[in-house]
């Protein structure tokens, strides 16, 4: 509990945490506004779109929000390695296993809290602008997708930062993976049909579709657990 308190104080004392969180909310609001502004009929009259579909498009399908959530995930170890304070942290709390999981838990809590706040504010904005309720996507399914989305990019960035000990790479790593999977899907899907199905973000989107059984869940979970395990082992074995 002491380590969680320490991690929360550390996270909230960093201005980047608040700035990044604010940009997540602003990014979601901006894309929601674009969605409502673009929804017009052939006569130029505004159409009221479903709130759940607009929220999904503004958050889950938004690459800008993806990078911002990844930035939140990279901060847990990224700032420590960047400024050399990881040595002080490991001196104060020498049990590295506890440090690793305390940072992971706090990272996930922050990512989920920011996603929840962004969702609530965007929902209020959409109701104020006359969006329909409910939408084609049910609220339970939207919440599920938001949780998985936030966890995925927070864990990817968290793990890559621990593995590489490089803050910027932890942030852009998930984006590069996203672009790589888009390229694979567009160019090599016919030749290497198995490859896109073995990648985490493709598995996540397939899982969201709900029609592919347990394989996407297994692929997604294997990537998340595998990257965390690599990061955990490296943190335990190498010097700070």
Protein backbone atom coordinates (compact mmCIF):
# COMPACT_ATOMS: atom_id res chain seq x y z
CA UNK A 1 0.00 0.00 0.00
CA UNK A 2 2.90 2.33 0.75
CA UNK A 3 4.25 1.83 -2.76
CA UNK A 4 0.87 2.52 -4.35
CA UNK A 5 0.64 5.75 -2.37
CA UNK A 6 4.15 6.64 -3.48
CA UNK A 7 3.29 5.93 -7.13
CA UNK A 8 0.13 8.02 -6.95
CA UNK A 9 2.02 10.95 -5.45
CA UNK A 10 4.73 10.60 -8.07
CA UNK A 11 2.22 10.44 -10.94
CA UNK A 12 0.15 13.40 -9.80
CA UNK A 13 3.25 15.51 -9.16
CA UNK A 14 4.27 15.21 -12.83
CA UNK A 15 2.64 17.92 -14.96
CA UNK A 16 2.74 15.65 -18.00
CA UNK A 17 0.22 13.33 -16.33
CA UNK A 18 -2.36 16.11 -16.11
CA UNK A 19 -1.54 17.59 -19.52
CA UNK A 20 -1.80 14.22 -21.25
CA UNK A 21 -5.03 13.39 -19.43
CA UNK A 22 -6.47 16.74 -20.47
CA UNK A 23 -5.55 16.10 -24.09
CA UNK A 24 -7.32 12.72 -23.97
CA UNK A 25 -10.53 14.49 -22.93
CA UNK A 26 -10.07 17.31 -25.46
CA UNK A 27 -9.25 14.85 -28.24
CA UNK A 28 -12.37 12.82 -27.55
CA UNK A 29 -14.51 15.97 -27.45
CA UNK A 30 -13.00 17.31 -30.67
CA UNK A 31 -13.64 14.12 -32.62
CA UNK A 32 -17.13 13.85 -31.16
CA UNK A 33 -17.77 17.39 -32.37
CA UNK A 34 -16.45 16.48 -35.82
CA UNK A 35 -18.73 13.45 -35.86
CA UNK A 36 -21.82 15.49 -35.06
CA UNK A 37 -20.83 18.26 -37.49
CA UNK A 38 -20.33 15.78 -40.34
CA UNK A 39 -23.68 14.06 -39.75
CA UNK A 40 -25.95 15.87 -42.20
CA UNK A 41 -28.56 14.64 -44.69
CA UNK A 42 -28.80 15.53 -48.38
CA UNK A 43 -30.55 18.78 -47.48
CA UNK A 44 -27.81 19.87 -45.11
CA UNK A 45 -29.89 19.22 -42.00
CA UNK A 46 -28.12 17.84 -38.94
CA UNK A 47 -28.67 14.18 -38.09
CA UNK A 48 -28.74 12.98 -34.49
CA UNK A 49 -26.30 10.07 -34.24
CA UNK A 50 -26.18 7.40 -31.51
CA UNK A 51 -24.09 8.47 -28.53
CA UNK A 52 -22.41 5.10 -28.03
CA UNK A 53 -21.26 4.91 -31.65
CA UNK A 54 -19.87 8.44 -31.51
CA UNK A 55 -18.04 7.77 -28.25
CA UNK A 56 -16.47 4.63 -29.72
CA UNK A 57 -15.35 6.58 -32.79
CA UNK A 58 -13.97 9.38 -30.62
CA UNK A 59 -12.01 7.15 -28.22
CA UNK A 60 -11.54 3.53 -29.25
CA UNK A 61 -11.10 4.29 -32.97
CA UNK A 62 -9.02 7.43 -32.43
CA UNK A 63 -5.25 7.00 -33.03
CA UNK A 64 -4.52 10.29 -31.25
CA UNK A 65 -6.15 9.03 -28.06
CA UNK A 66 -4.27 5.77 -28.54
CA UNK A 67 -0.93 7.60 -28.44
CA UNK A 68 -2.00 9.65 -25.41
CA UNK A 69 -3.04 6.55 -23.45
CA UNK A 70 0.28 4.98 -24.42
CA UNK A 71 2.01 8.08 -23.09
CA UNK A 72 0.30 7.57 -19.73
CA UNK A 73 1.48 3.96 -19.74
CA UNK A 74 5.07 4.91 -20.56
CA UNK A 75 5.35 7.45 -17.74
CA UNK A 76 5.52 4.91 -14.90
CA UNK A 77 9.08 3.87 -15.73
CA UNK A 78 9.85 6.37 -18.49
CA UNK A 79 10.36 9.39 -16.26
CA UNK A 80 12.35 7.31 -13.80
CA UNK A 81 14.78 6.09 -16.46
CA UNK A 82 14.93 9.47 -18.19
CA UNK A 83 15.95 11.41 -15.09
CA UNK A 84 17.79 8.63 -13.27
CA UNK A 85 15.38 8.54 -10.33
CA UNK A 86 14.86 4.79 -10.79
CA UNK A 87 17.99 4.29 -8.66
CA UNK A 88 16.45 6.27 -5.83
CA UNK A 89 13.18 4.38 -6.12
CA UNK A 90 14.87 0.99 -6.04
CA UNK A 91 17.02 2.09 -3.12
CA UNK A 92 13.97 3.18 -1.14
CA UNK A 93 12.00 0.10 -2.20
CA UNK A 94 14.54 -2.65 -2.96
CA UNK A 95 11.93 -5.34 -3.68
CA UNK A 96 11.71 -4.96 -7.45
CA UNK A 97 8.73 -7.28 -7.81
CA UNK A 98 6.68 -5.00 -5.60
CA UNK A 99 7.87 -1.92 -7.47
CA UNK A 100 6.96 -3.45 -10.82
CA UNK A 101 3.42 -4.41 -9.87
CA UNK A 102 2.75 -1.21 -7.94
CA UNK A 103 3.67 0.80 -11.02
CA UNK A 104 1.59 -1.49 -13.22
CA UNK A 105 -1.50 -1.24 -11.01
CA UNK A 106 -1.25 2.55 -10.74
CA UNK A 107 -0.71 2.84 -14.51
CA UNK A 108 -3.84 0.82 -15.24
CA UNK A 109 -5.89 2.76 -12.68
CA UNK A 110 -4.84 6.09 -14.17
CA UNK A 111 -5.49 4.95 -17.77
CA UNK A 112 -8.94 3.60 -16.87
CA UNK A 113 -9.81 6.71 -14.84
CA UNK A 114 -8.83 9.03 -17.68
CA UNK A 115 -10.82 6.94 -20.19
CA UNK A 116 -13.84 7.03 -17.85
CA UNK A 117 -13.66 10.82 -17.42
CA UNK A 118 -13.26 11.33 -21.17
CA UNK A 119 -16.25 9.09 -21.80
CA UNK A 120 -18.44 10.89 -19.25
CA UNK A 121 -17.60 14.36 -20.55
CA UNK A 122 -18.03 13.32 -24.18
CA UNK A 123 -21.36 11.70 -23.34
CA UNK A 124 -22.57 14.90 -21.66
CA UNK A 125 -21.47 16.92 -24.69
CA UNK A 126 -23.26 14.60 -27.10
CA UNK A 127 -26.48 14.71 -25.09
CA UNK A 128 -26.30 18.50 -25.05
CA UNK A 129 -25.93 18.55 -28.84
CA UNK A 130 -28.90 16.24 -29.38
CA UNK A 131 -27.33 12.85 -30.09
CA UNK A 132 -29.72 9.90 -30.01
CA UNK A 133 -29.80 7.38 -27.20
CA UNK A 134 -29.25 4.41 -27.35
CA UNK A 135 -27.04 3.61 -30.31
CA UNK A 136 -26.16 0.62 -32.41
CA UNK A 137 -23.48 -0.29 -29.86
CA UNK A 138 -24.88 -1.15 -26.44
CA UNK A 139 -23.48 0.53 -23.35
CA UNK A 140 -22.11 -2.72 -21.80
CA UNK A 141 -20.22 -3.49 -25.02
CA UNK A 142 -18.92 0.08 -25.26
CA UNK A 143 -17.65 -0.03 -21.68
CA UNK A 144 -16.00 -3.39 -22.37
CA UNK A 145 -14.23 -2.00 -25.45
CA UNK A 146 -13.11 1.12 -23.62
CA UNK A 147 -11.62 -0.94 -20.78
CA UNK A 148 -9.78 -3.30 -23.14
CA UNK A 149 -8.59 -0.36 -25.26
CA UNK A 150 -7.17 1.53 -22.26
CA UNK A 151 -5.55 -1.59 -20.79
CA UNK A 152 -4.03 -2.62 -24.13
CA UNK A 153 -2.19 0.60 -24.91
CA UNK A 154 -1.23 1.27 -21.30
CA UNK A 155 0.28 -2.22 -20.98
CA UNK A 156 2.02 -2.06 -24.36
CA UNK A 157 3.68 1.26 -23.53
CA UNK A 158 4.45 0.21 -19.95
CA UNK A 159 6.10 -3.03 -21.08
CA UNK A 160 8.08 -1.51 -23.95
CA UNK A 161 9.41 1.22 -21.65
CA UNK A 162 10.61 -1.32 -19.08
CA UNK A 163 12.16 -3.50 -21.78
CA UNK A 164 13.95 -0.71 -23.66
CA UNK A 165 14.44 1.72 -20.74
CA UNK A 166 13.55 4.41 -23.28
CA UNK A 167 10.61 6.74 -22.62
CA UNK A 168 9.99 8.01 -26.19
CA UNK A 169 10.20 4.50 -27.62
CA UNK A 170 7.63 3.34 -25.08
CA UNK A 171 5.24 5.98 -26.38
CA UNK A 172 5.73 5.50 -30.10
CA UNK A 173 6.13 1.71 -29.91
CA UNK A 174 2.36 1.01 -29.77
CA UNK A 175 1.83 3.47 -32.66
CA UNK A 176 4.49 1.72 -34.74
CA UNK A 177 2.85 -1.61 -33.97
CA UNK A 178 -0.51 -0.17 -35.01
CA UNK A 179 0.93 1.04 -38.33
CA UNK A 180 2.73 -2.26 -38.85
CA UNK A 181 -0.47 -4.21 -38.39
CA UNK A 182 -2.29 -1.92 -40.83
CA UNK A 183 0.46 -2.51 -43.38
CA UNK A 184 0.41 -6.26 -42.84
CA UNK A 185 -3.37 -6.30 -43.18
CA UNK A 186 -3.25 -4.32 -46.39
CA UNK A 187 -0.29 -5.95 -48.14
CA UNK A 188 0.37 -9.42 -46.79
CA UNK A 189 -2.96 -10.68 -45.46
CA UNK A 190 -3.60 -12.82 -48.55
CA UNK A 191 -0.10 -14.35 -48.59
CA UNK A 192 0.33 -14.72 -44.85
CA UNK A 193 -3.19 -15.24 -43.58
CA UNK A 194 -1.96 -16.42 -40.18
CA UNK A 195 0.19 -13.35 -39.44
CA UNK A 196 -2.51 -10.69 -38.89
CA UNK A 197 -4.40 -13.12 -36.66
CA UNK A 198 -1.32 -13.48 -34.45
CA UNK A 199 -0.91 -9.74 -33.80
CA UNK A 200 -2.34 -8.11 -30.65
CA UNK A 201 -4.19 -5.08 -32.02
CA UNK A 202 -5.80 -7.07 -34.82
CA UNK A 203 -6.83 -9.65 -32.23
CA UNK A 204 -8.28 -6.87 -30.08
CA UNK A 205 -10.41 -5.54 -32.95
CA UNK A 206 -11.51 -9.07 -33.85
CA UNK A 207 -12.42 -9.64 -30.21
CA UNK A 208 -14.52 -6.49 -30.30
CA UNK A 209 -16.43 -7.95 -33.24
CA UNK A 210 -17.49 -10.85 -31.04
CA UNK A 211 -17.74 -13.50 -33.77
CA UNK A 212 -14.36 -15.25 -33.67
CA UNK A 213 -14.51 -17.43 -30.57
CA UNK A 214 -11.75 -17.48 -27.98
CA UNK A 215 -8.74 -17.25 -30.30
CA UNK A 216 -8.56 -13.42 -30.36
CA UNK A 217 -8.80 -13.35 -26.56
CA UNK A 218 -5.96 -15.87 -26.29
CA UNK A 219 -3.75 -13.97 -28.76
CA UNK A 220 -4.39 -10.65 -27.06
CA UNK A 221 -3.78 -12.06 -23.57
CA UNK A 222 -0.62 -13.87 -24.69
CA UNK A 223 0.88 -10.62 -26.00
CA UNK A 224 -0.06 -8.64 -22.91
CA UNK A 225 1.23 -11.25 -20.45
CA UNK A 226 4.29 -12.03 -22.57
CA UNK A 227 5.48 -8.43 -22.82
CA UNK A 228 4.86 -7.85 -19.12
CA UNK A 229 6.78 -11.01 -18.27
CA UNK A 230 9.78 -9.93 -20.38
CA UNK A 231 9.79 -6.52 -18.74
CA UNK A 232 9.48 -8.04 -15.28
CA UNK A 233 12.41 -10.42 -15.83
CA UNK A 234 14.62 -7.67 -17.23
CA UNK A 235 13.84 -5.34 -14.34
CA UNK A 236 14.72 -8.07 -11.87
CA UNK A 237 17.99 -9.08 -13.51
CA UNK A 238 19.72 -6.00 -14.83
CA UNK A 239 21.18 -2.95 -13.14
CA UNK A 240 19.10 0.20 -12.77
